[in-house]
Amino acid sequence: MIKNIKSKFDSETKRKTKNLVNKIKAFFVLNNLTTLAKIFGTDKWGYHYYTKHYQKHFRPFKYKKIKLLEIGVRGYHIPTNGGHSLRMWKAYFCLGKIYSLDIYGKSPHEEHRIKIYQGSQVDQKFLMSICEEIGDLDIIIDNVGHINEHVIKTFEYLFRNLKMAVFM
């Protein structure tokens, strides 16, 4: 039992230390979304190469008090896995609030300016409760199951809570 506690403590300490080191590195490159993606280890760069497009379209929001919702934290059922892009968004949008939702509990990734909700992206009552709590959104990124009917249902509901739409 003591070994399990020590192991958990060690992995938690390592994760928090890594996050702190990444925040310090990110401080020096806050205007470069691609470099931030590399620092935080998100698949938004390298596997998908989205960051150059995101930076082009999201630059006007960089220094504003925005509300960004990213659907999907990644890491599947393991609570401490994933969360990389949430920290990237937090570093890039220095005045923004970052919200996310995931079907699995991902509360270990919550920190100042990052809030995570647990639930399904196709549960309209769940989405409604989130929107009632946080209000209209500036940016919505759907990066979860990639099932067409889920993306469409989520879009149909959340689009009305979007202040302005940007299509890529």
N, C-alpha and C. Protein backbone atom coordinates (compact mmCIF):
# COMPACT_ATOMS: atom_id res chain seq x y z
N MET A 1 0.82 -1.19 0.00
CA MET A 1 0.00 0.00 0.00
C MET A 1 0.87 1.26 0.00
N ILE A 2 1.91 1.28 0.82
CA ILE A 2 2.81 2.43 0.86
C ILE A 2 3.49 2.61 -0.48
N LYS A 3 3.83 1.50 -1.13
CA LYS A 3 4.45 1.57 -2.45
C LYS A 3 3.50 2.22 -3.46
N ASN A 4 2.20 1.86 -3.41
CA ASN A 4 1.21 2.45 -4.31
C ASN A 4 1.06 3.95 -4.06
N ILE A 5 1.04 4.35 -2.79
CA ILE A 5 0.94 5.77 -2.46
C ILE A 5 2.17 6.51 -2.96
N LYS A 6 3.35 5.95 -2.73
CA LYS A 6 4.59 6.57 -3.20
C LYS A 6 4.61 6.67 -4.72
N SER A 7 4.18 5.61 -5.40
CA SER A 7 4.13 5.60 -6.86
C SER A 7 3.19 6.68 -7.37
N LYS A 8 2.00 6.80 -6.76
CA LYS A 8 1.04 7.81 -7.17
C LYS A 8 1.60 9.21 -6.91
N PHE A 9 2.20 9.39 -5.75
CA PHE A 9 2.80 10.68 -5.41
C PHE A 9 3.90 11.03 -6.40
N ASP A 10 4.73 10.07 -6.73
CA ASP A 10 5.82 10.32 -7.67
C ASP A 10 5.29 10.71 -9.05
N SER A 11 4.28 10.01 -9.56
CA SER A 11 3.76 10.32 -10.88
C SER A 11 3.04 11.68 -10.88
N GLU A 12 2.32 11.98 -9.80
CA GLU A 12 1.63 13.27 -9.69
C GLU A 12 2.66 14.40 -9.61
N THR A 13 3.71 14.21 -8.84
CA THR A 13 4.76 15.23 -8.72
C THR A 13 5.46 15.43 -10.05
N LYS A 14 5.73 14.35 -10.76
CA LYS A 14 6.38 14.45 -12.07
C LYS A 14 5.50 15.23 -13.05
N ARG A 15 4.19 14.92 -13.05
CA ARG A 15 3.26 15.61 -13.96
C ARG A 15 3.20 17.10 -13.66
N LYS A 16 3.10 17.45 -12.38
CA LYS A 16 3.03 18.86 -12.00
C LYS A 16 4.35 19.58 -12.30
N THR A 17 5.46 18.91 -12.08
CA THR A 17 6.76 19.51 -12.37
C THR A 17 6.91 19.74 -13.87
N LYS A 18 6.51 18.76 -14.66
CA LYS A 18 6.58 18.90 -16.12
C LYS A 18 5.71 20.07 -16.58
N ASN A 19 4.50 20.19 -16.02
CA ASN A 19 3.62 21.30 -16.38
C ASN A 19 4.25 22.65 -16.04
N LEU A 20 4.90 22.73 -14.89
CA LEU A 20 5.55 23.97 -14.48
C LEU A 20 6.71 24.31 -15.41
N VAL A 21 7.53 23.34 -15.76
CA VAL A 21 8.64 23.57 -16.68
C VAL A 21 8.10 24.04 -18.04
N ASN A 22 7.03 23.41 -18.52
CA ASN A 22 6.44 23.82 -19.79
C ASN A 22 5.90 25.24 -19.74
N LYS A 23 5.30 25.64 -18.62
CA LYS A 23 4.80 27.01 -18.48
C LYS A 23 5.94 28.01 -18.55
N ILE A 24 7.06 27.67 -17.94
CA ILE A 24 8.22 28.57 -17.97
C ILE A 24 8.76 28.68 -19.40
N LYS A 25 8.88 27.56 -20.10
CA LYS A 25 9.33 27.58 -21.50
C LYS A 25 8.37 28.41 -22.37
N ALA A 26 7.07 28.21 -22.14
CA ALA A 26 6.05 28.88 -22.95
C ALA A 26 6.09 30.38 -22.79
N PHE A 27 6.50 30.86 -21.63
CA PHE A 27 6.54 32.30 -21.36
C PHE A 27 7.35 33.04 -22.41
N PHE A 28 8.35 32.42 -22.97
CA PHE A 28 9.25 33.07 -23.92
C PHE A 28 8.79 32.99 -25.36
N VAL A 29 7.70 32.27 -25.63
CA VAL A 29 7.22 32.11 -27.01
C VAL A 29 5.71 32.25 -27.11
N LEU A 30 5.12 33.11 -26.30
CA LEU A 30 3.66 33.20 -26.21
C LEU A 30 2.96 33.57 -27.51
N ASN A 31 3.67 34.15 -28.46
CA ASN A 31 3.04 34.57 -29.72
C ASN A 31 3.11 33.51 -30.80
N ASN A 32 3.77 32.39 -30.54
CA ASN A 32 3.94 31.37 -31.56
C ASN A 32 3.19 30.10 -31.14
N LEU A 33 2.03 29.90 -31.74
CA LEU A 33 1.18 28.78 -31.37
C LEU A 33 1.82 27.43 -31.70
N THR A 34 2.57 27.36 -32.80
CA THR A 34 3.24 26.11 -33.15
C THR A 34 4.27 25.73 -32.10
N THR A 35 5.06 26.67 -31.66
CA THR A 35 6.05 26.38 -30.62
C THR A 35 5.38 26.02 -29.31
N LEU A 36 4.28 26.69 -28.98
CA LEU A 36 3.53 26.33 -27.78
C LEU A 36 3.00 24.90 -27.87
N ALA A 37 2.51 24.52 -29.05
CA ALA A 37 2.01 23.16 -29.25
C ALA A 37 3.12 22.13 -29.04
N LYS A 38 4.30 22.45 -29.51
CA LYS A 38 5.44 21.54 -29.32
C LYS A 38 5.81 21.45 -27.85
N ILE A 39 5.84 22.57 -27.16
CA ILE A 39 6.20 22.59 -25.73
C ILE A 39 5.21 21.75 -24.92
N PHE A 40 3.92 21.94 -25.17
CA PHE A 40 2.90 21.26 -24.37
C PHE A 40 2.57 19.85 -24.87
N GLY A 41 3.11 19.48 -26.04
CA GLY A 41 2.96 18.12 -26.54
C GLY A 41 1.59 17.79 -27.10
N THR A 42 0.92 18.78 -27.66
CA THR A 42 -0.40 18.53 -28.25
C THR A 42 -0.26 18.04 -29.69
N ASP A 43 -1.25 17.29 -30.14
CA ASP A 43 -1.24 16.80 -31.52
C ASP A 43 -1.71 17.86 -32.52
N LYS A 44 -1.95 19.07 -32.05
CA LYS A 44 -2.36 20.15 -32.96
C LYS A 44 -1.20 20.53 -33.90
N TRP A 45 -0.02 20.08 -33.56
CA TRP A 45 1.14 20.28 -34.42
C TRP A 45 1.87 18.95 -34.53
N GLY A 46 2.47 18.69 -35.68
CA GLY A 46 3.24 17.46 -35.86
C GLY A 46 2.42 16.36 -36.50
N TYR A 47 1.29 16.06 -35.89
CA TYR A 47 0.41 15.03 -36.46
C TYR A 47 -0.62 15.68 -37.39
N HIS A 48 -1.18 16.81 -36.97
CA HIS A 48 -2.24 17.46 -37.75
C HIS A 48 -1.81 18.76 -38.42
N TYR A 49 -0.87 19.48 -37.87
CA TYR A 49 -0.42 20.78 -38.40
C TYR A 49 -1.53 21.82 -38.44
N TYR A 50 -2.34 21.88 -37.41
CA TYR A 50 -3.43 22.85 -37.33
C TYR A 50 -2.97 24.22 -36.84
N THR A 51 -1.88 24.29 -36.11
CA THR A 51 -1.54 25.51 -35.38
C THR A 51 -1.35 26.73 -36.28
N LYS A 52 -0.78 26.56 -37.45
CA LYS A 52 -0.59 27.73 -38.32
C LYS A 52 -1.94 28.30 -38.76
N HIS A 53 -2.93 27.43 -38.94
CA HIS A 53 -4.27 27.89 -39.31
C HIS A 53 -4.98 28.53 -38.11
N TYR A 54 -4.87 27.87 -36.96
CA TYR A 54 -5.45 28.44 -35.75
C TYR A 54 -4.87 29.83 -35.47
N GLN A 55 -3.55 29.95 -35.57
CA GLN A 55 -2.92 31.23 -35.26
C GLN A 55 -3.40 32.32 -36.21
N LYS A 56 -3.54 31.99 -37.48
CA LYS A 56 -4.01 32.97 -38.47
C LYS A 56 -5.42 33.48 -38.11
N HIS A 57 -6.31 32.56 -37.76
CA HIS A 57 -7.70 32.93 -37.52
C HIS A 57 -7.96 33.44 -36.10
N PHE A 58 -7.16 32.99 -35.14
CA PHE A 58 -7.40 33.35 -33.75
C PHE A 58 -6.56 34.54 -33.27
N ARG A 59 -5.64 35.02 -34.11
CA ARG A 59 -4.78 36.15 -33.71
C ARG A 59 -5.57 37.35 -33.18
N PRO A 60 -6.71 37.73 -33.78
CA PRO A 60 -7.46 38.89 -33.26
C PRO A 60 -7.97 38.70 -31.82
N PHE A 61 -8.05 37.47 -31.36
CA PHE A 61 -8.57 37.17 -30.02
C PHE A 61 -7.47 37.06 -28.97
N LYS A 62 -6.21 37.07 -29.40
CA LYS A 62 -5.08 36.74 -28.53
C LYS A 62 -5.08 37.51 -27.21
N TYR A 63 -5.30 38.80 -27.23
CA TYR A 63 -5.22 39.62 -26.01
C TYR A 63 -6.59 40.07 -25.52
N LYS A 64 -7.60 39.27 -25.79
CA LYS A 64 -8.95 39.59 -25.34
C LYS A 64 -9.40 38.59 -24.29
N LYS A 65 -10.38 38.99 -23.50
CA LYS A 65 -10.95 38.11 -22.48
C LYS A 65 -11.96 37.17 -23.14
N ILE A 66 -11.44 36.18 -23.82
CA ILE A 66 -12.30 35.25 -24.56
C ILE A 66 -12.70 34.06 -23.70
N LYS A 67 -13.71 33.35 -24.21
CA LYS A 67 -14.10 32.06 -23.65
C LYS A 67 -13.98 31.04 -24.78
N LEU A 68 -13.08 30.09 -24.59
CA LEU A 68 -12.84 29.04 -25.57
C LEU A 68 -13.34 27.72 -24.99
N LEU A 69 -14.07 26.96 -25.80
CA LEU A 69 -14.52 25.62 -25.41
C LEU A 69 -13.90 24.62 -26.36
N GLU A 70 -13.11 23.70 -25.81
CA GLU A 70 -12.58 22.60 -26.61
C GLU A 70 -13.28 21.33 -26.18
N ILE A 71 -13.87 20.65 -27.14
CA ILE A 71 -14.58 19.42 -26.86
C ILE A 71 -13.60 18.27 -27.02
N GLY A 72 -13.32 17.60 -25.92
CA GLY A 72 -12.36 16.50 -25.90
C GLY A 72 -11.06 16.93 -25.24
N VAL A 73 -10.68 16.23 -24.19
CA VAL A 73 -9.44 16.52 -23.46
C VAL A 73 -8.33 15.58 -23.91
N ARG A 74 -8.69 14.44 -24.46
CA ARG A 74 -7.79 13.35 -24.86
C ARG A 74 -7.39 12.51 -23.65
N GLY A 75 -6.73 11.41 -23.91
CA GLY A 75 -6.25 10.54 -22.84
C GLY A 75 -7.22 9.46 -22.43
N TYR A 76 -8.36 9.38 -23.12
CA TYR A 76 -9.36 8.36 -22.86
C TYR A 76 -9.75 8.28 -21.38
N HIS A 77 -9.82 7.09 -20.81
CA HIS A 77 -10.37 6.91 -19.46
C HIS A 77 -9.38 7.23 -18.35
N ILE A 78 -8.14 7.50 -18.66
CA ILE A 78 -7.14 7.77 -17.63
C ILE A 78 -7.20 9.26 -17.27
N PRO A 79 -7.60 9.61 -16.05
CA PRO A 79 -7.84 11.01 -15.67
C PRO A 79 -6.64 11.94 -15.87
N THR A 80 -5.43 11.43 -15.69
CA THR A 80 -4.25 12.30 -15.77
C THR A 80 -3.69 12.41 -17.18
N ASN A 81 -4.19 11.61 -18.12
CA ASN A 81 -3.71 11.70 -19.50
C ASN A 81 -4.47 12.79 -20.25
N GLY A 82 -3.81 13.38 -21.24
CA GLY A 82 -4.42 14.41 -22.06
C GLY A 82 -4.21 15.79 -21.48
N GLY A 83 -5.01 16.75 -21.93
CA GLY A 83 -4.96 18.11 -21.43
C GLY A 83 -3.90 18.99 -22.05
N HIS A 84 -3.14 18.47 -23.00
CA HIS A 84 -2.03 19.22 -23.58
C HIS A 84 -2.48 20.49 -24.30
N SER A 85 -3.52 20.36 -25.12
CA SER A 85 -3.95 21.55 -25.87
C SER A 85 -4.62 22.58 -24.96
N LEU A 86 -5.22 22.14 -23.85
CA LEU A 86 -5.82 23.11 -22.93
C LEU A 86 -4.76 24.05 -22.37
N ARG A 87 -3.61 23.49 -22.02
CA ARG A 87 -2.52 24.33 -21.50
C ARG A 87 -1.92 25.20 -22.61
N MET A 88 -1.91 24.69 -23.85
CA MET A 88 -1.44 25.49 -24.98
C MET A 88 -2.36 26.69 -25.18
N TRP A 89 -3.69 26.45 -25.17
CA TRP A 89 -4.65 27.55 -25.34
C TRP A 89 -4.52 28.56 -24.20
N LYS A 90 -4.34 28.08 -22.99
CA LYS A 90 -4.21 28.97 -21.83
C LYS A 90 -2.98 29.87 -21.99
N ALA A 91 -1.88 29.32 -22.47
CA ALA A 91 -0.67 30.12 -22.67
C ALA A 91 -0.86 31.13 -23.80
N TYR A 92 -1.50 30.71 -24.88
CA TYR A 92 -1.67 31.60 -26.04
C TYR A 92 -2.67 32.73 -25.75
N PHE A 93 -3.82 32.38 -25.19
CA PHE A 93 -4.84 33.38 -24.86
C PHE A 93 -4.65 33.80 -23.40
N CYS A 94 -3.73 34.70 -23.19
CA CYS A 94 -3.29 35.03 -21.82
C CYS A 94 -4.39 35.66 -20.96
N LEU A 95 -5.46 36.16 -21.55
CA LEU A 95 -6.58 36.72 -20.79
C LEU A 95 -7.83 35.84 -20.88
N GLY A 96 -7.71 34.75 -21.60
CA GLY A 96 -8.87 33.91 -21.88
C GLY A 96 -9.16 32.89 -20.81
N LYS A 97 -10.41 32.43 -20.84
CA LYS A 97 -10.82 31.32 -19.99
C LYS A 97 -11.02 30.12 -20.91
N ILE A 98 -10.44 29.01 -20.50
CA ILE A 98 -10.45 27.80 -21.31
C ILE A 98 -11.38 26.78 -20.65
N TYR A 99 -12.36 26.34 -21.42
CA TYR A 99 -13.31 25.34 -20.94
C TYR A 99 -13.18 24.11 -21.83
N SER A 100 -13.49 22.98 -21.25
CA SER A 100 -13.45 21.75 -22.03
C SER A 100 -14.50 20.79 -21.48
N LEU A 101 -14.85 19.82 -22.31
CA LEU A 101 -15.72 18.76 -21.85
C LEU A 101 -15.19 17.45 -22.40
N ASP A 102 -15.41 16.41 -21.64
CA ASP A 102 -14.97 15.08 -22.03
C ASP A 102 -15.91 14.06 -21.39
N ILE A 103 -16.06 12.94 -22.04
CA ILE A 103 -16.93 11.88 -21.53
C ILE A 103 -16.34 11.28 -20.25
N TYR A 104 -15.02 11.39 -20.11
CA TYR A 104 -14.33 10.87 -18.93
C TYR A 104 -13.99 12.00 -17.97
N GLY A 105 -13.83 11.66 -16.71
CA GLY A 105 -13.43 12.65 -15.71
C GLY A 105 -11.98 13.08 -15.92
N LYS A 106 -11.77 14.36 -16.12
CA LYS A 106 -10.43 14.89 -16.39
C LYS A 106 -10.07 16.03 -15.44
N SER A 107 -10.66 16.01 -14.25
CA SER A 107 -10.44 17.11 -13.30
C SER A 107 -8.98 17.34 -12.92
N PRO A 108 -8.07 16.36 -12.99
CA PRO A 108 -6.67 16.67 -12.66
C PRO A 108 -6.05 17.77 -13.54
N HIS A 109 -6.67 18.04 -14.67
CA HIS A 109 -6.14 19.07 -15.57
C HIS A 109 -6.68 20.46 -15.29
N GLU A 110 -7.62 20.56 -14.37
CA GLU A 110 -8.16 21.88 -14.05
C GLU A 110 -7.12 22.70 -13.29
N GLU A 111 -7.08 23.96 -13.62
CA GLU A 111 -6.19 24.91 -12.94
C GLU A 111 -6.77 26.29 -13.20
N HIS A 112 -6.10 27.29 -12.70
CA HIS A 112 -6.57 28.67 -12.90
C HIS A 112 -6.80 28.91 -14.40
N ARG A 113 -8.00 29.33 -14.77
CA ARG A 113 -8.45 29.62 -16.13
C ARG A 113 -8.70 28.38 -16.98
N ILE A 114 -8.67 27.19 -16.41
CA ILE A 114 -9.05 25.97 -17.14
C ILE A 114 -10.10 25.24 -16.31
N LYS A 115 -11.29 25.04 -16.90
CA LYS A 115 -12.39 24.32 -16.24
C LYS A 115 -12.84 23.20 -17.17
N ILE A 116 -13.02 22.02 -16.60
CA ILE A 116 -13.40 20.85 -17.40
C ILE A 116 -14.70 20.26 -16.87
N TYR A 117 -15.61 19.97 -17.80
CA TYR A 117 -16.90 19.36 -17.48
C TYR A 117 -16.89 17.92 -17.96
N GLN A 118 -17.54 17.04 -17.22
CA GLN A 118 -17.64 15.65 -17.63
C GLN A 118 -19.04 15.37 -18.15
N GLY A 119 -19.10 14.90 -19.40
CA GLY A 119 -20.37 14.56 -20.01
C GLY A 119 -20.21 14.34 -21.50
N SER A 120 -21.32 14.06 -22.17
CA SER A 120 -21.31 13.74 -23.59
C SER A 120 -21.60 14.97 -24.44
N GLN A 121 -20.92 15.06 -25.54
CA GLN A 121 -21.13 16.18 -26.46
C GLN A 121 -22.47 16.11 -27.17
N VAL A 122 -23.16 14.99 -27.11
CA VAL A 122 -24.47 14.88 -27.75
C VAL A 122 -25.62 14.95 -26.76
N ASP A 123 -25.30 15.22 -25.51
CA ASP A 123 -26.33 15.38 -24.47
C ASP A 123 -26.71 16.87 -24.42
N GLN A 124 -27.84 17.20 -25.04
CA GLN A 124 -28.24 18.60 -25.16
C GLN A 124 -28.45 19.26 -23.81
N LYS A 125 -29.02 18.54 -22.84
CA LYS A 125 -29.22 19.12 -21.50
C LYS A 125 -27.87 19.45 -20.85
N PHE A 126 -26.91 18.57 -21.03
CA PHE A 126 -25.56 18.79 -20.50
C PHE A 126 -24.93 20.04 -21.15
N LEU A 127 -25.01 20.13 -22.48
CA LEU A 127 -24.46 21.29 -23.19
C LEU A 127 -25.17 22.58 -22.76
N MET A 128 -26.49 22.48 -22.59
CA MET A 128 -27.27 23.65 -22.16
C MET A 128 -26.81 24.12 -20.78
N SER A 129 -26.56 23.18 -19.87
CA SER A 129 -26.13 23.58 -18.53
C SER A 129 -24.77 24.25 -18.56
N ILE A 130 -23.88 23.80 -19.43
CA ILE A 130 -22.57 24.43 -19.56
C ILE A 130 -22.74 25.86 -20.08
N CYS A 131 -23.52 26.00 -21.15
CA CYS A 131 -23.71 27.33 -21.74
C CYS A 131 -24.42 28.29 -20.78
N GLU A 132 -25.35 27.78 -19.99
CA GLU A 132 -26.00 28.64 -18.99
C GLU A 132 -25.00 29.11 -17.94
N GLU A 133 -24.06 28.24 -17.60
CA GLU A 133 -23.07 28.59 -16.58
C GLU A 133 -22.02 29.57 -17.10
N ILE A 134 -21.51 29.35 -18.31
CA ILE A 134 -20.39 30.18 -18.78
C ILE A 134 -20.80 31.27 -19.77
N GLY A 135 -21.99 31.19 -20.34
CA GLY A 135 -22.44 32.22 -21.28
C GLY A 135 -21.96 31.95 -22.70
N ASP A 136 -22.07 32.98 -23.54
CA ASP A 136 -21.68 32.85 -24.94
C ASP A 136 -20.18 32.59 -25.07
N LEU A 137 -19.83 31.87 -26.12
CA LEU A 137 -18.45 31.47 -26.36
C LEU A 137 -17.87 32.24 -27.54
N ASP A 138 -16.57 32.45 -27.51
CA ASP A 138 -15.88 33.12 -28.61
C ASP A 138 -15.32 32.11 -29.61
N ILE A 139 -14.84 30.97 -29.11
CA ILE A 139 -14.23 29.95 -29.96
C ILE A 139 -14.69 28.58 -29.45
N ILE A 140 -15.09 27.73 -30.39
CA ILE A 140 -15.42 26.35 -30.07
C ILE A 140 -14.59 25.44 -30.97
N ILE A 141 -13.89 24.49 -30.37
CA ILE A 141 -13.09 23.54 -31.13
C ILE A 141 -13.60 22.15 -30.79
N ASP A 142 -14.10 21.46 -31.79
CA ASP A 142 -14.59 20.10 -31.60
C ASP A 142 -13.50 19.14 -32.05
N ASN A 143 -12.85 18.52 -31.10
CA ASN A 143 -11.73 17.63 -31.40
C ASN A 143 -11.89 16.33 -30.63
N VAL A 144 -13.06 15.71 -30.79
CA VAL A 144 -13.32 14.52 -29.96
C VAL A 144 -13.49 13.29 -30.83
N GLY A 145 -14.65 12.69 -30.85
CA GLY A 145 -14.86 11.39 -31.46
C GLY A 145 -14.82 11.36 -32.97
N HIS A 146 -15.03 12.48 -33.62
CA HIS A 146 -15.02 12.57 -35.08
C HIS A 146 -16.10 11.69 -35.73
N ILE A 147 -17.19 11.50 -35.01
CA ILE A 147 -18.33 10.79 -35.56
C ILE A 147 -19.27 11.86 -36.11
N ASN A 148 -19.57 11.78 -37.41
CA ASN A 148 -20.30 12.84 -38.09
C ASN A 148 -21.56 13.27 -37.36
N GLU A 149 -22.40 12.32 -36.96
CA GLU A 149 -23.66 12.69 -36.31
C GLU A 149 -23.41 13.40 -34.98
N HIS A 150 -22.34 13.06 -34.27
CA HIS A 150 -22.01 13.75 -33.01
C HIS A 150 -21.56 15.18 -33.29
N VAL A 151 -20.72 15.35 -34.29
CA VAL A 151 -20.24 16.69 -34.65
C VAL A 151 -21.42 17.57 -35.08
N ILE A 152 -22.32 17.02 -35.87
CA ILE A 152 -23.48 17.78 -36.36
C ILE A 152 -24.39 18.16 -35.20
N LYS A 153 -24.70 17.22 -34.31
CA LYS A 153 -25.57 17.54 -33.17
C LYS A 153 -24.94 18.60 -32.28
N THR A 154 -23.66 18.47 -32.02
CA THR A 154 -22.96 19.45 -31.19
C THR A 154 -22.99 20.81 -31.85
N PHE A 155 -22.72 20.86 -33.14
CA PHE A 155 -22.74 22.11 -33.88
C PHE A 155 -24.12 22.75 -33.83
N GLU A 156 -25.16 21.94 -34.07
CA GLU A 156 -26.52 22.48 -34.09
C GLU A 156 -26.87 23.15 -32.76
N TYR A 157 -26.40 22.59 -31.67
CA TYR A 157 -26.72 23.20 -30.39
C TYR A 157 -25.78 24.34 -30.03
N LEU A 158 -24.48 24.13 -30.15
CA LEU A 158 -23.53 25.13 -29.67
C LEU A 158 -23.38 26.35 -30.57
N PHE A 159 -23.69 26.22 -31.85
CA PHE A 159 -23.51 27.34 -32.77
C PHE A 159 -24.29 28.58 -32.30
N ARG A 160 -25.46 28.38 -31.73
CA ARG A 160 -26.25 29.53 -31.26
C ARG A 160 -25.62 30.21 -30.05
N ASN A 161 -24.66 29.57 -29.40
CA ASN A 161 -23.97 30.14 -28.25
C ASN A 161 -22.59 30.69 -28.62
N LEU A 162 -22.34 30.81 -29.92
CA LEU A 162 -21.07 31.32 -30.42
C LEU A 162 -21.24 32.77 -30.80
N LYS A 163 -20.37 33.62 -30.28
CA LYS A 163 -20.49 35.06 -30.57
C LYS A 163 -20.23 35.35 -32.04
N MET A 164 -19.22 34.71 -32.63
CA MET A 164 -18.88 34.96 -34.02
C MET A 164 -18.30 33.68 -34.60
N ALA A 165 -18.70 33.30 -35.81
CA ALA A 165 -18.21 32.06 -36.41
C ALA A 165 -17.06 32.36 -37.36
N VAL A 166 -16.04 31.52 -37.29
CA VAL A 166 -14.92 31.56 -38.24
C VAL A 166 -14.86 30.18 -38.88
N PHE A 167 -14.97 30.15 -40.20
CA PHE A 167 -14.94 28.86 -40.90
C PHE A 167 -13.61 28.72 -41.60
N MET A 168 -13.02 27.51 -41.48
CA MET A 168 -11.74 27.24 -42.14
C MET A 168 -11.94 26.20 -43.21
